[in-house]
Amino acid sequence: MSSTTKPTVPAPSSLPLAQLPDPSQLDNIKAQLDLVLLALEALAEIGSEAMLQAAIALNLDAVVADRVALWRLRQSSPLRKGQGGRKKLDVEEARALVLICCHLAKAHQELIRRAVTLLEQVTEQNREPHTVSLLGDYLDRFNNTYQERMEEGELVPTRDLTHLALKLLIDLLFYSAPNGSRRLWLALLDRTRIS
């Protein structure tokens, strides 16, 4: 017998915030969230439709109502090419994107685990990640998409993009965990602190 009860999902307000981030901190959060979504896109080959479905499942469709709203949120990243449609990201939208990222990571947790396991294996064997098809395909899609969408994408050395993609892959494993949204949120806040 199947249940029609919707699973309990965390509300954006459940993500702690001691004080509101300033505009430069929000810019950093926007950039980091866009990169996490880019990594998910490249690994799981998902697009805006999956992100919108996640928003509906999480009751966040008021924040991310359609493809245009999602595009504007993603386009708010300071790393992105072009100024068209750029929008300031507010804290509630950032929290909503965190929940969407983690929902998608959890949905693709098996794939993420397999990719991280393969990465561990090739590292132990002193082999390049590109030599394994799953990792090679992920890295190619990540690099191509980054170069296509980001302002200085074509100027970033492939080695640096590969390092970023692999770091994000490992991060996705943590974000796919039961407390992943809290981990991602705290990591975003921590990365924006000015020392």
C-alpha atoms as a PDB file:
ATOM      1  CA  MET A   1       0.000   0.000   0.000  1.00  0.00           C
ATOM      2  CA  SER A   2       1.460   3.346  -1.004  1.00  0.00           C
ATOM      3  CA  SER A   3       1.155   6.446   1.068  1.00  0.00           C
ATOM      4  CA  THR A   4       0.050   9.754  -0.397  1.00  0.00           C
ATOM      5  CA  THR A   5       1.588  11.718   2.449  1.00  0.00           C
ATOM      6  CA  LYS A   6       4.360  14.003   1.278  1.00  0.00           C
ATOM      7  CA  PRO A   7       7.683  13.492   3.070  1.00  0.00           C
ATOM      8  CA  THR A   8       8.669  16.262   5.438  1.00  0.00           C
ATOM      9  CA  VAL A   9      11.097  18.626   3.766  1.00  0.00           C
ATOM     10  CA  PRO A  10      13.205  21.236   5.508  1.00  0.00           C
ATOM     11  CA  ALA A  11      12.025  24.809   5.215  1.00  0.00           C
ATOM     12  CA  PRO A  12      14.475  27.437   4.004  1.00  0.00           C
ATOM     13  CA  SER A  13      14.170  29.103   7.407  1.00  0.00           C
ATOM     14  CA  SER A  14      15.614  25.949   9.010  1.00  0.00           C
ATOM     15  CA  LEU A  15      19.041  26.944   7.713  1.00  0.00           C
ATOM     16  CA  PRO A  16      20.736  29.022  10.430  1.00  0.00           C
ATOM     17  CA  LEU A  17      21.809  32.596   9.908  1.00  0.00           C
ATOM     18  CA  ALA A  18      23.408  34.676  12.674  1.00  0.00           C
ATOM     19  CA  GLN A  19      23.418  37.836  10.562  1.00  0.00           C
ATOM     20  CA  LEU A  20      22.465  38.767   7.024  1.00  0.00           C
ATOM     21  CA  PRO A  21      25.316  38.429   4.534  1.00  0.00           C
ATOM     22  CA  ASP A  22      26.486  41.677   2.968  1.00  0.00           C
ATOM     23  CA  PRO A  23      26.260  42.113  -0.847  1.00  0.00           C
ATOM     24  CA  SER A  24      29.793  40.810  -1.491  1.00  0.00           C
ATOM     25  CA  GLN A  25      29.090  37.721   0.636  1.00  0.00           C
ATOM     26  CA  LEU A  26      25.864  37.124  -1.283  1.00  0.00           C
ATOM     27  CA  ASP A  27      27.817  37.369  -4.539  1.00  0.00           C
ATOM     28  CA  ASN A  28      30.147  34.643  -3.289  1.00  0.00           C
ATOM     29  CA  ILE A  29      27.185  32.494  -2.213  1.00  0.00           C
ATOM     30  CA  LYS A  30      25.567  32.959  -5.668  1.00  0.00           C
ATOM     31  CA  ALA A  31      28.766  31.887  -7.404  1.00  0.00           C
ATOM     32  CA  GLN A  32      29.232  28.823  -5.190  1.00  0.00           C
ATOM     33  CA  LEU A  33      25.617  27.676  -5.592  1.00  0.00           C
ATOM     34  CA  ASP A  34      25.818  28.019  -9.359  1.00  0.00           C
ATOM     35  CA  LEU A  35      28.986  25.885  -9.365  1.00  0.00           C
ATOM     36  CA  VAL A  36      27.307  23.177  -7.259  1.00  0.00           C
ATOM     37  CA  LEU A  37      24.379  23.108  -9.696  1.00  0.00           C
ATOM     38  CA  LEU A  38      26.812  23.021 -12.618  1.00  0.00           C
ATOM     39  CA  ALA A  39      28.542  19.976 -11.102  1.00  0.00           C
ATOM     40  CA  LEU A  40      25.178  18.231 -10.669  1.00  0.00           C
ATOM     41  CA  GLU A  41      24.252  19.057 -14.264  1.00  0.00           C
ATOM     42  CA  ALA A  42      27.555  17.691 -15.552  1.00  0.00           C
ATOM     43  CA  LEU A  43      27.504  14.492 -13.499  1.00  0.00           C
ATOM     44  CA  ALA A  44      23.833  13.497 -13.591  1.00  0.00           C
ATOM     45  CA  GLU A  45      23.052  15.177 -16.934  1.00  0.00           C
ATOM     46  CA  ILE A  46      20.103  17.007 -15.432  1.00  0.00           C
ATOM     47  CA  GLY A  47      18.698  20.282 -16.613  1.00  0.00           C
ATOM     48  CA  SER A  48      16.310  22.993 -15.552  1.00  0.00           C
ATOM     49  CA  GLU A  49      13.317  20.639 -15.606  1.00  0.00           C
ATOM     50  CA  ALA A  50      14.829  18.475 -12.846  1.00  0.00           C
ATOM     51  CA  MET A  51      15.604  21.598 -10.831  1.00  0.00           C
ATOM     52  CA  LEU A  52      12.025  22.841 -11.209  1.00  0.00           C
ATOM     53  CA  GLN A  53      10.673  19.419 -10.205  1.00  0.00           C
ATOM     54  CA  ALA A  54      12.879  19.550  -7.109  1.00  0.00           C
ATOM     55  CA  ALA A  55      11.461  23.002  -6.284  1.00  0.00           C
ATOM     56  CA  ILE A  56       7.920  21.604  -6.529  1.00  0.00           C
ATOM     57  CA  ALA A  57       8.799  18.566  -4.385  1.00  0.00           C
ATOM     58  CA  LEU A  58      10.266  20.884  -1.753  1.00  0.00           C
ATOM     59  CA  ASN A  59       7.322  23.331  -1.879  1.00  0.00           C
ATOM     60  CA  LEU A  60       9.688  26.024  -3.170  1.00  0.00           C
ATOM     61  CA  ASP A  61       7.860  26.678  -6.416  1.00  0.00           C
ATOM     62  CA  ALA A  62       6.883  30.137  -5.122  1.00  0.00           C
ATOM     63  CA  VAL A  63      10.603  31.018  -5.127  1.00  0.00           C
ATOM     64  CA  VAL A  64      11.587  29.084  -8.259  1.00  0.00           C
ATOM     65  CA  ALA A  65       8.350  29.172 -10.216  1.00  0.00           C
ATOM     66  CA  ASP A  66       9.545  28.531 -13.766  1.00  0.00           C
ATOM     67  CA  ARG A  67      12.540  28.317 -16.105  1.00  0.00           C
ATOM     68  CA  VAL A  68      12.841  32.099 -16.342  1.00  0.00           C
ATOM     69  CA  ALA A  69      12.956  32.504 -12.549  1.00  0.00           C
ATOM     70  CA  LEU A  70      15.542  29.720 -12.314  1.00  0.00           C
ATOM     71  CA  TRP A  71      17.610  31.236 -15.129  1.00  0.00           C
ATOM     72  CA  ARG A  72      17.559  34.626 -13.415  1.00  0.00           C
ATOM     73  CA  LEU A  73      18.686  33.101 -10.130  1.00  0.00           C
ATOM     74  CA  ARG A  74      21.506  31.215 -11.855  1.00  0.00           C
ATOM     75  CA  GLN A  75      22.411  34.242 -13.959  1.00  0.00           C
ATOM     76  CA  SER A  76      22.876  36.259 -10.760  1.00  0.00           C
ATOM     77  CA  SER A  77      26.236  34.522 -10.260  1.00  0.00           C
ATOM     78  CA  PRO A  78      29.033  37.064 -10.708  1.00  0.00           C
ATOM     79  CA  LEU A  79      30.988  34.404 -12.609  1.00  0.00           C
ATOM     80  CA  ARG A  80      28.395  34.218 -15.400  1.00  0.00           C
ATOM     81  CA  LYS A  81      28.698  35.755 -18.861  1.00  0.00           C
ATOM     82  CA  GLY A  82      26.336  38.535 -19.815  1.00  0.00           C
ATOM     83  CA  GLN A  83      24.283  40.962 -17.832  1.00  0.00           C
ATOM     84  CA  GLY A  84      20.861  40.138 -19.276  1.00  0.00           C
ATOM     85  CA  GLY A  85      18.327  39.134 -16.645  1.00  0.00           C
ATOM     86  CA  ARG A  86      20.821  39.383 -13.824  1.00  0.00           C
ATOM     87  CA  LYS A  87      19.042  39.641 -10.504  1.00  0.00           C
ATOM     88  CA  LYS A  88      20.188  40.154  -6.968  1.00  0.00           C
ATOM     89  CA  LEU A  89      19.863  36.942  -4.986  1.00  0.00           C
ATOM     90  CA  ASP A  90      18.276  37.350  -1.577  1.00  0.00           C
ATOM     91  CA  VAL A  91      18.863  35.116   1.434  1.00  0.00           C
ATOM     92  CA  GLU A  92      15.596  33.187   1.031  1.00  0.00           C
ATOM     93  CA  GLU A  93      16.390  32.446  -2.609  1.00  0.00           C
ATOM     94  CA  ALA A  94      19.874  31.294  -1.599  1.00  0.00           C
ATOM     95  CA  ARG A  95      18.374  29.003   1.032  1.00  0.00           C
ATOM     96  CA  ALA A  96      15.905  27.633  -1.524  1.00  0.00           C
ATOM     97  CA  LEU A  97      18.737  26.889  -3.984  1.00  0.00           C
ATOM     98  CA  VAL A  98      20.648  25.116  -1.193  1.00  0.00           C
ATOM     99  CA  LEU A  99      17.648  22.854  -0.555  1.00  0.00           C
ATOM    100  CA  ILE A 100      17.238  22.192  -4.298  1.00  0.00           C
ATOM    101  CA  CYS A 101      20.956  21.355  -4.685  1.00  0.00           C
ATOM    102  CA  CYS A 102      20.855  18.903  -1.808  1.00  0.00           C
ATOM    103  CA  HIS A 103      17.568  17.348  -2.919  1.00  0.00           C
ATOM    104  CA  LEU A 104      19.078  16.673  -6.347  1.00  0.00           C
ATOM    105  CA  ALA A 105      22.332  15.403  -4.833  1.00  0.00           C
ATOM    106  CA  LYS A 106      20.378  12.997  -2.646  1.00  0.00           C
ATOM    107  CA  ALA A 107      18.349  11.823  -5.657  1.00  0.00           C
ATOM    108  CA  HIS A 108      21.613  11.045  -7.476  1.00  0.00           C
ATOM    109  CA  GLN A 109      23.544   9.830  -4.442  1.00  0.00           C
ATOM    110  CA  GLU A 110      24.305   6.400  -5.918  1.00  0.00           C
ATOM    111  CA  LEU A 111      25.868   7.974  -9.015  1.00  0.00           C
ATOM    112  CA  ILE A 112      27.832  10.447  -6.876  1.00  0.00           C
ATOM    113  CA  ARG A 113      29.119   7.630  -4.644  1.00  0.00           C
ATOM    114  CA  ARG A 114      30.162   5.577  -7.666  1.00  0.00           C
ATOM    115  CA  ALA A 115      32.029   8.539  -9.152  1.00  0.00           C
ATOM    116  CA  VAL A 116      33.815   9.303  -5.868  1.00  0.00           C
ATOM    117  CA  THR A 117      34.741   5.628  -5.441  1.00  0.00           C
ATOM    118  CA  LEU A 118      36.198   5.590  -8.959  1.00  0.00           C
ATOM    119  CA  LEU A 119      38.098   8.784  -8.182  1.00  0.00           C
ATOM    120  CA  GLU A 120      39.592   7.151  -5.077  1.00  0.00           C
ATOM    121  CA  GLN A 121      40.594   4.098  -7.124  1.00  0.00           C
ATOM    122  CA  VAL A 122      42.305   6.034  -9.911  1.00  0.00           C
ATOM    123  CA  THR A 123      44.078   8.216  -7.365  1.00  0.00           C
ATOM    124  CA  GLU A 124      45.424   5.125  -5.577  1.00  0.00           C
ATOM    125  CA  GLN A 125      46.573   3.734  -8.941  1.00  0.00           C
ATOM    126  CA  ASN A 126      48.217   7.041  -9.955  1.00  0.00           C
ATOM    127  CA  ARG A 127      45.961   7.229 -13.011  1.00  0.00           C
ATOM    128  CA  GLU A 128      44.314  10.290 -14.487  1.00  0.00           C
ATOM    129  CA  PRO A 129      40.563  10.575 -13.773  1.00  0.00           C
ATOM    130  CA  HIS A 130      39.904  11.087 -17.507  1.00  0.00           C
ATOM    131  CA  THR A 131      40.879   7.433 -18.088  1.00  0.00           C
ATOM    132  CA  VAL A 132      37.613   6.251 -16.481  1.00  0.00           C
ATOM    133  CA  SER A 133      34.579   6.901 -18.656  1.00  0.00           C
ATOM    134  CA  LEU A 134      32.222   8.138 -15.898  1.00  0.00           C
ATOM    135  CA  LEU A 135      34.791  10.603 -14.577  1.00  0.00           C
ATOM    136  CA  GLY A 136      36.034  11.572 -18.041  1.00  0.00           C
ATOM    137  CA  ASP A 137      32.498  12.308 -19.251  1.00  0.00           C
ATOM    138  CA  TYR A 138      31.774  14.332 -16.099  1.00  0.00           C
ATOM    139  CA  LEU A 139      34.981  16.345 -16.424  1.00  0.00           C
ATOM    140  CA  ASP A 140      34.410  17.004 -20.127  1.00  0.00           C
ATOM    141  CA  ARG A 141      30.823  18.188 -19.552  1.00  0.00           C
ATOM    142  CA  PHE A 142      31.873  20.306 -16.555  1.00  0.00           C
ATOM    143  CA  ASN A 143      34.784  21.935 -18.390  1.00  0.00           C
ATOM    144  CA  ASN A 144      32.766  22.587 -21.560  1.00  0.00           C
ATOM    145  CA  THR A 145      29.803  24.034 -19.679  1.00  0.00           C
ATOM    146  CA  TYR A 146      32.025  26.176 -17.469  1.00  0.00           C
ATOM    147  CA  GLN A 147      33.880  27.568 -20.468  1.00  0.00           C
ATOM    148  CA  GLU A 148      30.606  28.222 -22.276  1.00  0.00           C
ATOM    149  CA  ARG A 149      28.773  29.958 -19.413  1.00  0.00           C
ATOM    150  CA  MET A 150      31.377  31.686 -17.279  1.00  0.00           C
ATOM    151  CA  GLU A 151      32.847  35.108 -17.971  1.00  0.00           C
ATOM    152  CA  GLU A 152      36.488  34.021 -17.820  1.00  0.00           C
ATOM    153  CA  GLY A 153      35.777  30.374 -18.604  1.00  0.00           C
ATOM    154  CA  GLU A 154      38.059  30.172 -21.615  1.00  0.00           C
ATOM    155  CA  LEU A 155      40.932  31.733 -19.674  1.00  0.00           C
ATOM    156  CA  VAL A 156      40.904  29.185 -16.853  1.00  0.00           C
ATOM    157  CA  PRO A 157      43.461  26.396 -17.421  1.00  0.00           C
ATOM    158  CA  THR A 158      41.965  22.926 -17.917  1.00  0.00           C
ATOM    159  CA  ARG A 159      43.962  21.638 -14.950  1.00  0.00           C
ATOM    160  CA  ASP A 160      42.307  24.229 -12.665  1.00  0.00           C
ATOM    161  CA  LEU A 161      38.834  23.381 -13.992  1.00  0.00           C
ATOM    162  CA  THR A 162      39.505  19.676 -13.463  1.00  0.00           C
ATOM    163  CA  HIS A 163      40.595  20.358  -9.877  1.00  0.00           C
ATOM    164  CA  LEU A 164      37.437  22.439  -9.270  1.00  0.00           C
ATOM    165  CA  ALA A 165      35.194  19.769 -10.805  1.00  0.00           C
ATOM    166  CA  LEU A 166      36.711  17.004  -8.674  1.00  0.00           C
ATOM    167  CA  LYS A 167      36.448  19.098  -5.501  1.00  0.00           C
ATOM    168  CA  LEU A 168      32.790  19.781  -6.269  1.00  0.00           C
ATOM    169  CA  LEU A 169      32.217  16.069  -6.913  1.00  0.00           C
ATOM    170  CA  ILE A 170      33.522  15.213  -3.442  1.00  0.00           C
ATOM    171  CA  ASP A 171      31.461  18.046  -1.942  1.00  0.00           C
ATOM    172  CA  LEU A 172      28.343  16.622  -3.619  1.00  0.00           C
ATOM    173  CA  LEU A 173      28.819  13.416  -1.664  1.00  0.00           C
ATOM    174  CA  PHE A 174      28.551  15.377   1.589  1.00  0.00           C
ATOM    175  CA  TYR A 175      25.593  17.398   0.315  1.00  0.00           C
ATOM    176  CA  SER A 176      23.729  14.193  -0.588  1.00  0.00           C
ATOM    177  CA  ALA A 177      23.818  13.068   3.063  1.00  0.00           C
ATOM    178  CA  PRO A 178      20.773  13.424   5.342  1.00  0.00           C
ATOM    179  CA  ASN A 179      22.057  16.702   6.826  1.00  0.00           C
ATOM    180  CA  GLY A 180      23.472  17.887   3.489  1.00  0.00           C
ATOM    181  CA  SER A 181      21.522  21.128   3.227  1.00  0.00           C
ATOM    182  CA  ARG A 182      22.844  22.304   6.590  1.00  0.00           C
ATOM    183  CA  ARG A 183      26.395  21.326   5.563  1.00  0.00           C
ATOM    184  CA  LEU A 184      26.156  23.205   2.275  1.00  0.00           C
ATOM    185  CA  TRP A 185      24.620  26.275   3.915  1.00  0.00           C
ATOM    186  CA  LEU A 186      27.297  26.428   6.621  1.00  0.00           C
ATOM    187  CA  ALA A 187      30.037  25.868   4.017  1.00  0.00           C
ATOM    188  CA  LEU A 188      28.663  28.756   1.943  1.00  0.00           C
ATOM    189  CA  LEU A 189      28.580  31.051   4.959  1.00  0.00           C
ATOM    190  CA  ASP A 190      32.056  29.953   6.025  1.00  0.00           C
ATOM    191  CA  ARG A 191      33.522  30.624   2.561  1.00  0.00           C
ATOM    192  CA  THR A 192      32.137  34.158   2.595  1.00  0.00           C
ATOM    193  CA  ARG A 193      33.735  35.174   5.877  1.00  0.00           C
ATOM    194  CA  ILE A 194      36.464  37.728   5.394  1.00  0.00           C
ATOM    195  CA  SER A 195      39.491  37.000   7.542  1.00  0.00           C
END
